[in-house]
Amino acid sequence: MNFSIYNFGCKVNQYESQVMTELMISRGYEYTEDKENADIMIINSCTVTAVSDNKVMKLIRHLRRNKDDSIIVLTGCMPQAYPNLKEEFEQVDIVLGNSMRSELPDEIEKYLINREQIINIHKYTKNSDFELVSVSKFEERTRAFIKIEDGCNRYCSYCIIPYARGPVRSKPIDVLKRELQHMANHGYKEIVLVGINLSAYGQEIGLHLCDAVECACSIDGVERVRLGSLEPERMDRESIERLSKLEKFCPQFHLSLQSGCDATLKRMNRHYTTDEYRKIVADLRAAFDNCSITTDVMVGFAGETEEEFGQSVEFVKKIAFAKAHVFPYSQREGTIAAKSPNQLDNSVKSQRSKIMIEAANSTRKEFLESQIGRSEAVLFEQTDKNGLWVGYTKNYTPVKIKSDKPLNGMILNVKLCAVNGDFCIGEPE
C-alpha cells in the first residue's frame, strides 16, 4: 500500500511529518507524490488559528469525496487540542494525538483488520517525556530542520498550543549530537533548530538553548546553524554573548512580538514590555553585525482599541523589522481570551491587518535596500521559474543570481547589487 502526507503549520510539523514518512517506509509502505490517489492519506494538522482548523476540515471532506476507499488519518495539534470533536472526526478513519506518532503504522494495521474507526489521544501530564524520534533526511538537500524542544508552559491568553503540545520537554544533547552528525554526513550544510517554545530548551534538564546551538556548531560538516522562532525575554545578554562567539551561527532572530502595545501585551499574558523588547533588539544589533530581526504581529486582539493598535503600528516601524508575519486574532475555544469582552468584528481585523502589513512591507523594503553593496556568503538551494539561482545569506536575506553552472548546496560570496521585489539581485564575486 502507498501513502501520502499533508502537512499544515510550523517547522516542527514539517519535522514530524518526515518522522512519520520514515516510520511508514520502514514498515513497508510506499510514499507517493500522487497525494489524492494514495491508499493512506495522513493529515498532520495545525490548530493555531480557526483558519487552520477550517483548512484541515475542508481537506478531509474533499479527500473523502474524491476517494472514498482510502484510509484517512488525522494527527497533529487539532485532535490533541480538541479531542471531543466527534462530528468533525466522523469522516476520519484513524485519529491520533501528538504523543501517538510512533504508533502510526501499528494503528493502521489494526484498522486494516476490522475497518473500525480508531481514536487514540492521550492527554499530556507534567511528567510527559520528549518523544525520542529522529529523521535521516529532508527533501531539501541544503537545510535540515531538527526538532529539539516540544511543549510550552507560557499559557498566553489567546493560545491553545500548550493544550495541544503539553509541557516543555527537551531532546537530550547526546541524542541531538548523533542526529546532527547524521545530517552532516548526508550533506546538509545548514541546520535549523526548531521547537514549540524553542527558547525554553533544556530548562527542565538543566540545559540552555545555547548548549544546543554550541553542540550543532561543533559538528564537522555543518557550516551554518540557525534558530527558529524565539520568545524574546530569553535572549538575555549572557545568551547573546555566548551566541556571538559562534562563527557558524546565523544572525537571524525571529522574536515573537504579537503586539507593540504594553496594555495589549498584558492582556495577552506575554512576559515582556515593549521597552524590554526594544532593549533586547538593541543588544542583538550591538552584538551581531548586520543581523536581521523578524517577528509575528497579531492585530485585532480582544479589546484592542484604535489607540492601542496605533501604538503597535508605530512600534513595528521603530523596530524596523526585516520581515513581519501579520495575522488577525482568532478566538480559540478553551483559552482565556476567547471569553474576553469586546471581541472585534472581522471587518475591523481585516482593516487593521492591511495597515500593519503596509507598515511591515515598508520596513522590509528598507531592510533589503540596506543590504545593497554588501558582500555576503549565500547558500544556494534551487532555481526559480526564470532559471535564476535562489539562496540565502546568513541573516536570511533572499538572493537571486544568474549562473550557467548548478549551484545547489554551494556557498558562494555574492555582491548584492539591487532589490527586485522581495529579493536582492546579486553577482558572484
Protein backbone atom coordinates (compact mmCIF):
# COMPACT_ATOMS: atom_id res chain seq x y z
CA MET A 1 0.00 0.00 0.00
CA ASN A 2 1.12 3.57 -0.61
CA PHE A 3 0.62 6.70 1.48
CA SER A 4 0.81 10.47 1.27
CA ILE A 5 1.19 13.18 3.90
CA TYR A 6 -0.47 16.60 4.04
CA ASN A 7 1.43 18.92 6.35
CA PHE A 8 -0.05 22.03 7.96
CA GLY A 9 1.65 24.55 10.18
CA CYS A 10 5.11 25.16 11.55
CA LYS A 11 8.62 23.81 11.04
CA VAL A 12 8.07 21.41 13.94
CA ASN A 13 5.19 19.88 12.00
CA GLN A 14 7.45 19.56 8.95
CA TYR A 15 9.96 17.64 11.03
CA GLU A 16 7.26 15.39 12.47
CA SER A 17 5.81 14.71 9.01
CA GLN A 18 9.24 13.50 7.97
CA VAL A 19 9.34 11.30 11.09
CA MET A 20 6.03 9.70 10.06
CA THR A 21 7.20 9.29 6.47
CA GLU A 22 10.25 7.37 7.59
CA LEU A 23 8.23 5.28 10.06
CA MET A 24 5.82 4.26 7.31
CA ILE A 25 8.58 3.42 4.83
CA SER A 26 10.39 1.34 7.46
CA ARG A 27 7.21 -0.77 7.78
CA GLY A 28 6.99 -1.47 4.07
CA TYR A 29 4.60 1.27 2.91
CA GLU A 30 5.48 3.25 -0.22
CA TYR A 31 5.39 7.05 -0.30
CA THR A 32 3.61 8.61 -3.28
CA GLU A 33 3.55 12.16 -4.60
CA ASP A 34 0.11 11.45 -6.08
CA LYS A 35 -1.47 12.57 -2.82
CA GLU A 36 -5.14 12.44 -3.72
CA ASN A 37 -4.98 8.88 -5.02
CA ALA A 38 -3.00 7.37 -2.15
CA ASP A 39 -4.26 4.32 -0.31
CA ILE A 40 -3.49 6.04 3.01
CA MET A 41 -3.76 9.81 3.43
CA ILE A 42 -2.13 11.23 6.56
CA ILE A 43 -3.06 14.77 7.63
CA ASN A 44 -0.66 16.42 10.09
CA SER A 45 -2.82 19.26 11.39
CA CYS A 46 -2.23 22.71 12.86
CA THR A 47 -4.71 24.39 15.20
CA VAL A 48 -3.05 27.72 15.95
CA THR A 49 -5.98 29.60 14.37
CA ALA A 50 -9.57 28.87 13.36
CA VAL A 51 -8.43 29.28 9.75
CA SER A 52 -6.04 26.36 10.26
CA ASP A 53 -8.87 24.16 11.53
CA ASN A 54 -11.11 25.14 8.62
CA LYS A 55 -8.41 24.22 6.10
CA VAL A 56 -7.98 20.82 7.70
CA MET A 57 -11.71 20.08 7.73
CA LYS A 58 -12.12 21.25 4.14
CA LEU A 59 -9.31 18.91 3.08
CA ILE A 60 -10.87 15.95 4.92
CA ARG A 61 -14.22 16.47 3.18
CA HIS A 62 -12.51 16.83 -0.19
CA LEU A 63 -10.42 13.70 0.20
CA ARG A 64 -13.38 11.64 1.35
CA ARG A 65 -15.46 12.71 -1.63
CA ASN A 66 -12.58 12.16 -4.05
CA LYS A 67 -11.54 8.66 -2.94
CA ASP A 68 -13.96 7.06 -0.53
CA ASP A 69 -12.00 3.80 -0.12
CA SER A 70 -8.80 5.47 1.10
CA ILE A 71 -7.77 5.40 4.74
CA ILE A 72 -7.72 8.93 6.18
CA VAL A 73 -5.54 9.55 9.23
CA LEU A 74 -5.79 12.78 11.22
CA THR A 75 -2.99 13.62 13.63
CA GLY A 76 -1.18 16.69 14.96
CA CYS A 77 -2.34 19.58 17.09
CA MET A 78 -6.03 19.77 16.15
CA PRO A 79 -7.18 16.42 17.59
CA GLN A 80 -4.85 16.79 20.59
CA ALA A 81 -6.29 20.20 21.49
CA TYR A 82 -9.90 19.27 20.76
CA PRO A 83 -10.30 15.51 21.39
CA ASN A 84 -14.09 15.74 21.71
CA LEU A 85 -14.86 16.93 18.17
CA LYS A 86 -16.88 13.82 17.38
CA GLU A 87 -18.75 15.22 14.36
CA GLU A 88 -15.56 16.61 12.81
CA PHE A 89 -13.89 13.20 13.15
CA GLU A 90 -16.72 11.19 11.55
CA GLN A 91 -15.10 11.10 8.11
CA VAL A 92 -11.69 10.16 9.52
CA ASP A 93 -10.69 6.52 9.94
CA ILE A 94 -7.84 6.98 12.41
CA VAL A 95 -7.39 9.91 14.82
CA LEU A 96 -4.07 10.13 16.65
CA GLY A 97 -2.88 12.61 19.23
CA ASN A 98 0.52 14.27 19.15
CA SER A 99 2.06 11.72 21.51
CA MET A 100 0.95 8.77 19.37
CA ARG A 101 3.10 9.47 16.33
CA SER A 102 5.36 6.43 16.72
CA GLU A 103 2.28 4.16 16.84
CA LEU A 104 1.04 5.25 13.41
CA PRO A 105 1.96 2.05 11.46
CA ASP A 106 0.56 -0.18 14.23
CA GLU A 107 -2.73 1.71 14.28
CA ILE A 108 -3.04 1.44 10.51
CA GLU A 109 -2.51 -2.33 10.70
CA LYS A 110 -5.16 -2.59 13.43
CA TYR A 111 -7.60 -0.64 11.28
CA LEU A 112 -6.98 -2.89 8.28
CA ILE A 113 -8.14 -5.92 10.30
CA ASN A 114 -11.66 -4.75 11.20
CA ARG A 115 -12.11 -1.37 9.45
CA GLU A 116 -13.48 0.25 12.62
CA GLN A 117 -12.64 3.85 13.48
CA ILE A 118 -9.70 4.28 15.86
CA ILE A 119 -9.34 7.33 18.13
CA ASN A 120 -6.13 7.31 20.18
CA ILE A 121 -5.45 10.56 22.02
CA HIS A 122 -3.58 10.65 25.33
CA LYS A 123 -3.53 13.76 27.49
CA TYR A 124 -0.15 15.20 28.36
CA THR A 125 0.96 15.26 32.00
CA LYS A 126 3.66 17.25 33.76
CA ASN A 127 5.84 14.13 33.57
CA SER A 128 5.43 13.57 29.82
CA ASP A 129 8.69 12.70 28.09
CA PHE A 130 10.25 14.13 24.94
CA GLU A 131 9.44 11.86 22.00
CA LEU A 132 12.79 10.32 21.08
CA VAL A 133 12.42 10.18 17.31
CA SER A 134 14.79 11.36 14.62
CA VAL A 135 14.93 11.78 10.87
CA SER A 136 17.53 10.79 8.30
CA LYS A 137 16.80 13.26 5.50
CA PHE A 138 14.68 16.11 4.16
CA GLU A 139 13.56 16.94 0.65
CA GLU A 140 15.85 19.95 0.80
CA ARG A 141 19.45 18.87 0.37
CA THR A 142 20.91 22.06 1.82
CA ARG A 143 18.95 22.72 5.03
CA ALA A 144 17.59 20.38 7.69
CA PHE A 145 15.08 21.22 10.42
CA ILE A 146 15.86 19.47 13.70
CA LYS A 147 13.26 19.46 16.45
CA ILE A 148 14.95 19.87 19.82
CA GLU A 149 12.06 21.01 22.04
CA ASP A 150 8.35 20.35 22.42
CA GLY A 151 5.61 21.88 24.57
CA CYS A 152 5.01 25.26 26.18
CA ASN A 153 4.41 26.41 29.76
CA ARG A 154 3.58 30.04 28.98
CA TYR A 155 -0.22 29.93 28.55
CA CYS A 156 -0.62 33.17 26.64
CA SER A 157 -4.28 34.10 26.98
CA TYR A 158 -5.04 33.61 23.27
CA CYS A 159 -3.11 30.40 22.64
CA ILE A 160 -4.32 26.79 22.54
CA ILE A 161 -0.87 25.33 21.87
CA PRO A 162 0.03 24.43 25.50
CA TYR A 163 -3.02 22.14 25.44
CA ALA A 164 -2.06 20.70 22.05
CA ARG A 165 1.60 20.19 22.92
CA GLY A 166 1.85 19.73 26.67
CA PRO A 167 4.65 20.95 28.95
CA VAL A 168 8.20 21.84 27.92
CA ARG A 169 10.29 18.78 27.01
CA SER A 170 13.78 18.79 25.52
CA LYS A 171 15.90 16.48 23.37
CA PRO A 172 18.97 15.21 25.25
CA ILE A 173 22.27 16.58 23.96
CA ASP A 174 23.71 13.13 23.16
CA VAL A 175 20.66 12.25 21.04
CA LEU A 176 20.84 15.64 19.32
CA LYS A 177 24.54 15.22 18.57
CA ARG A 178 24.01 11.86 16.86
CA GLU A 179 21.19 13.27 14.72
CA LEU A 180 23.24 16.32 13.78
CA GLN A 181 26.23 14.19 12.78
CA HIS A 182 23.98 12.02 10.63
CA MET A 183 22.65 15.08 8.83
CA ALA A 184 26.17 16.42 8.28
CA ASN A 185 27.28 13.04 6.91
CA HIS A 186 24.45 13.22 4.38
CA GLY A 187 25.43 16.61 3.03
CA TYR A 188 23.23 19.07 4.91
CA LYS A 189 25.19 22.28 5.32
CA GLU A 190 22.67 24.28 7.32
CA ILE A 191 20.84 23.15 10.44
CA VAL A 192 17.74 24.93 11.73
CA LEU A 193 16.94 24.13 15.37
CA VAL A 194 13.18 24.30 15.98
CA GLY A 195 10.72 23.81 18.82
CA ILE A 196 7.28 24.80 20.03
CA ASN A 197 8.84 27.12 22.62
CA LEU A 198 12.41 26.90 21.40
CA SER A 199 13.71 29.44 23.91
CA ALA A 200 12.75 27.09 26.75
CA TYR A 201 15.03 24.30 25.51
CA GLY A 202 16.70 22.47 28.38
CA GLN A 203 15.03 24.27 31.25
CA GLU A 204 13.71 21.01 32.73
CA ILE A 205 17.00 19.10 32.35
CA GLY A 206 19.50 21.74 33.43
CA LEU A 207 20.48 22.90 29.96
CA HIS A 208 20.12 26.09 27.92
CA LEU A 209 19.33 26.79 24.28
CA CYS A 210 22.93 27.94 23.85
CA ASP A 211 24.07 24.41 24.73
CA ALA A 212 22.14 23.03 21.76
CA VAL A 213 23.48 25.73 19.42
CA GLU A 214 27.05 25.11 20.56
CA CYS A 215 26.55 21.38 20.01
CA ALA A 216 25.32 21.99 16.46
CA CYS A 217 28.19 24.35 15.71
CA SER A 218 30.70 21.74 16.88
CA ILE A 219 29.70 19.21 14.21
CA ASP A 220 32.15 18.86 11.31
CA GLY A 221 30.35 19.33 8.00
CA VAL A 222 27.70 21.66 9.40
CA GLU A 223 28.54 25.14 8.11
CA ARG A 224 25.55 27.10 9.39
CA VAL A 225 23.28 26.90 12.42
CA ARG A 226 20.04 28.84 12.54
CA LEU A 227 17.27 29.17 15.15
CA GLY A 228 13.52 29.01 14.69
CA SER A 229 11.03 31.30 16.42
CA LEU A 230 12.09 32.61 19.84
CA GLU A 231 10.38 34.12 22.85
CA PRO A 232 12.21 37.45 23.25
CA GLU A 233 12.76 37.60 27.00
CA ARG A 234 15.02 34.53 26.91
CA MET A 235 17.54 36.48 24.84
CA ASP A 236 19.43 37.96 27.80
CA ARG A 237 22.90 39.48 27.49
CA GLU A 238 24.67 36.33 28.65
CA SER A 239 22.90 34.25 25.98
CA ILE A 240 23.62 36.84 23.30
CA GLU A 241 27.30 36.90 24.25
CA ARG A 242 27.56 33.10 24.04
CA LEU A 243 25.92 33.01 20.62
CA SER A 244 28.04 35.89 19.30
CA LYS A 245 31.19 33.79 19.77
CA LEU A 246 29.99 31.05 17.41
CA GLU A 247 31.29 31.56 13.87
CA LYS A 248 28.75 29.19 12.30
CA PHE A 249 25.76 30.81 13.98
CA CYS A 250 23.42 32.72 11.66
CA PRO A 251 22.46 36.19 12.98
CA GLN A 252 18.76 35.99 12.18
CA PHE A 253 16.43 36.29 15.16
CA HIS A 254 12.72 35.66 14.85
CA LEU A 255 11.50 37.28 18.06
CA SER A 256 7.77 36.81 18.53
CA LEU A 257 6.24 40.23 19.30
CA GLN A 258 2.44 39.80 18.96
CA SER A 259 1.77 43.43 19.88
CA GLY A 260 3.69 46.69 20.16
CA CYS A 261 1.37 47.97 22.89
CA ASP A 262 2.02 47.28 26.58
CA ALA A 263 -1.66 47.18 27.55
CA THR A 264 -2.37 44.61 24.85
CA LEU A 265 0.68 42.55 25.79
CA LYS A 266 -0.55 42.42 29.38
CA ARG A 267 -3.98 41.14 28.32
CA MET A 268 -2.24 38.59 26.14
CA ASN A 269 -0.25 37.38 29.17
CA ARG A 270 3.00 38.00 27.36
CA HIS A 271 6.02 38.19 29.64
CA TYR A 272 7.77 41.38 28.49
CA THR A 273 7.10 45.04 27.81
CA THR A 274 7.81 46.99 24.67
CA ASP A 275 10.77 48.68 26.42
CA GLU A 276 12.23 45.29 27.30
CA TYR A 277 11.70 44.06 23.75
CA ARG A 278 13.36 47.19 22.32
CA LYS A 279 16.36 46.67 24.61
CA ILE A 280 16.77 43.03 23.53
CA VAL A 281 16.74 44.09 19.88
CA ALA A 282 19.34 46.79 20.62
CA ASP A 283 21.57 44.23 22.38
CA LEU A 284 21.32 41.85 19.43
CA ARG A 285 22.17 44.55 16.91
CA ALA A 286 25.13 45.63 19.02
CA ALA A 287 26.47 42.07 19.26
CA PHE A 288 25.91 40.90 15.67
CA ASP A 289 26.96 42.80 12.58
CA ASN A 290 24.10 43.12 10.09
CA CYS A 291 21.74 40.85 11.99
CA SER A 292 18.10 40.63 10.96
CA ILE A 293 15.15 40.80 13.33
CA THR A 294 11.91 39.20 12.13
CA THR A 295 8.66 38.72 14.02
CA ASP A 296 4.97 37.83 14.25
CA VAL A 297 2.37 40.53 14.89
CA MET A 298 -1.25 39.96 15.85
CA VAL A 299 -3.93 42.57 15.16
CA GLY A 300 -7.48 42.83 16.44
CA PHE A 301 -6.90 41.14 19.78
CA ALA A 302 -9.87 41.23 22.16
CA GLY A 303 -10.29 44.76 23.50
CA GLU A 304 -7.65 46.31 21.24
CA THR A 305 -8.59 49.98 20.86
CA GLU A 306 -7.68 52.24 17.95
CA GLU A 307 -5.10 53.92 20.19
CA GLU A 308 -3.53 50.60 21.19
CA PHE A 309 -3.44 49.47 17.57
CA GLY A 310 -1.77 52.75 16.60
CA GLN A 311 0.89 52.19 19.27
CA SER A 312 1.54 48.72 17.87
CA VAL A 313 1.95 50.04 14.32
CA GLU A 314 4.38 52.73 15.46
CA PHE A 315 6.40 50.20 17.44
CA VAL A 316 6.74 47.95 14.38
CA LYS A 317 8.01 50.91 12.38
CA LYS A 318 10.51 51.94 15.09
CA ILE A 319 11.98 48.46 15.46
CA ALA A 320 12.32 48.29 11.65
CA PHE A 321 11.82 44.56 11.31
CA ALA A 322 13.46 42.80 8.40
CA LYS A 323 10.19 40.93 7.97
CA ALA A 324 6.94 40.56 9.91
CA HIS A 325 4.20 37.98 9.65
CA VAL A 326 0.92 39.81 10.30
CA PHE A 327 -2.25 37.92 11.21
CA PRO A 328 -5.64 38.68 12.81
CA TYR A 329 -6.56 37.39 16.26
CA SER A 330 -8.56 34.17 16.15
CA GLN A 331 -10.72 33.04 19.08
CA ARG A 332 -9.72 29.58 20.25
CA GLU A 333 -12.20 27.70 22.42
CA GLY A 334 -10.60 26.76 25.72
CA THR A 335 -8.46 29.90 26.05
CA ILE A 336 -8.99 32.84 28.43
CA ALA A 337 -9.10 35.40 25.64
CA ALA A 338 -11.95 33.60 23.88
CA LYS A 339 -14.21 34.59 26.80
CA SER A 340 -12.99 38.18 26.96
CA PRO A 341 -15.43 41.02 26.29
CA ASN A 342 -15.00 43.50 23.45
CA GLN A 343 -14.27 40.99 20.70
CA LEU A 344 -13.66 42.84 17.45
CA ASP A 345 -15.51 42.35 14.18
CA ASN A 346 -13.70 40.59 11.34
CA SER A 347 -14.03 43.74 9.25
CA VAL A 348 -12.02 45.68 11.84
CA LYS A 349 -9.41 42.93 11.98
CA SER A 350 -9.14 42.92 8.21
CA GLN A 351 -8.70 46.69 8.04
CA ARG A 352 -6.03 46.64 10.75
CA SER A 353 -4.24 43.75 9.05
CA LYS A 354 -3.91 45.82 5.88
CA ILE A 355 -2.48 48.79 7.78
CA MET A 356 0.00 46.64 9.71
CA ILE A 357 1.06 44.73 6.59
CA GLU A 358 1.72 48.05 4.86
CA ALA A 359 3.96 49.11 7.78
CA ALA A 360 5.76 45.75 7.76
CA ASN A 361 6.27 45.87 3.99
CA SER A 362 7.82 49.31 4.34
CA THR A 363 10.40 48.16 6.89
CA ARG A 364 11.02 45.03 4.80
CA LYS A 365 11.87 47.17 1.79
CA GLU A 366 14.18 49.35 3.89
CA PHE A 367 15.96 46.27 5.20
CA LEU A 368 16.53 44.80 1.74
CA GLU A 369 17.82 48.14 0.47
CA SER A 370 20.26 48.29 3.41
CA GLN A 371 21.87 45.09 2.12
CA ILE A 372 22.82 46.62 -1.23
CA GLY A 373 26.57 46.95 -1.67
CA ARG A 374 27.38 44.23 0.84
CA SER A 375 29.33 41.09 0.04
CA GLU A 376 27.70 38.07 1.68
CA ALA A 377 28.08 34.30 1.67
CA VAL A 378 24.96 32.79 0.09
CA LEU A 379 23.84 29.17 0.40
CA PHE A 380 22.04 28.31 -2.85
CA GLU A 381 19.09 25.94 -2.85
CA GLN A 382 17.13 25.95 -6.11
CA THR A 383 16.23 27.80 -9.28
CA ASP A 384 13.16 29.95 -9.82
CA LYS A 385 10.82 29.83 -12.82
CA ASN A 386 13.17 32.14 -14.74
CA GLY A 387 16.22 29.95 -14.15
CA LEU A 388 17.81 32.24 -11.57
CA TRP A 389 19.52 30.55 -8.63
CA VAL A 390 17.94 31.32 -5.26
CA GLY A 391 19.76 31.27 -1.94
CA TYR A 392 20.01 32.94 1.45
CA THR A 393 22.64 34.89 3.31
CA LYS A 394 23.41 34.13 6.95
CA ASN A 395 20.88 36.76 8.05
CA TYR A 396 18.31 35.13 5.73
CA THR A 397 18.24 37.78 3.03
CA PRO A 398 16.92 36.06 -0.12
CA VAL A 399 19.26 36.42 -3.09
CA LYS A 400 18.99 35.59 -6.79
CA ILE A 401 21.85 35.35 -9.27
CA LYS A 402 22.41 34.17 -12.84
CA SER A 403 24.62 31.13 -13.30
CA ASP A 404 25.05 28.57 -16.06
CA LYS A 405 26.52 26.14 -13.54
CA PRO A 406 24.50 24.16 -10.97
CA LEU A 407 24.79 25.83 -7.57
CA ASN A 408 22.55 23.67 -5.40
CA GLY A 409 24.15 23.22 -1.98
CA MET A 410 27.02 25.57 -2.72
CA ILE A 411 28.02 28.58 -0.60
CA LEU A 412 29.37 31.45 -2.71
CA ASN A 413 30.41 35.01 -1.91
CA VAL A 414 27.99 37.33 -3.67
CA LYS A 415 27.91 41.10 -4.14
CA LEU A 416 24.36 42.36 -3.52
CA CYS A 417 23.57 44.87 -6.26
CA ALA A 418 19.84 45.66 -6.33
CA VAL A 419 16.42 44.92 -4.87
CA ASN A 420 13.79 43.27 -7.03
CA GLY A 421 10.52 42.69 -5.18
CA ASP A 422 11.22 40.53 -2.14
CA PHE A 423 14.74 39.54 -3.27
CA CYS A 424 18.17 41.04 -3.64
CA ILE A 425 19.85 40.58 -7.01
CA GLY A 426 23.50 39.62 -6.73
CA GLU A 427 26.65 38.91 -8.71
CA PRO A 428 29.16 36.19 -7.82
CA GLU A 429 32.50 37.54 -6.64
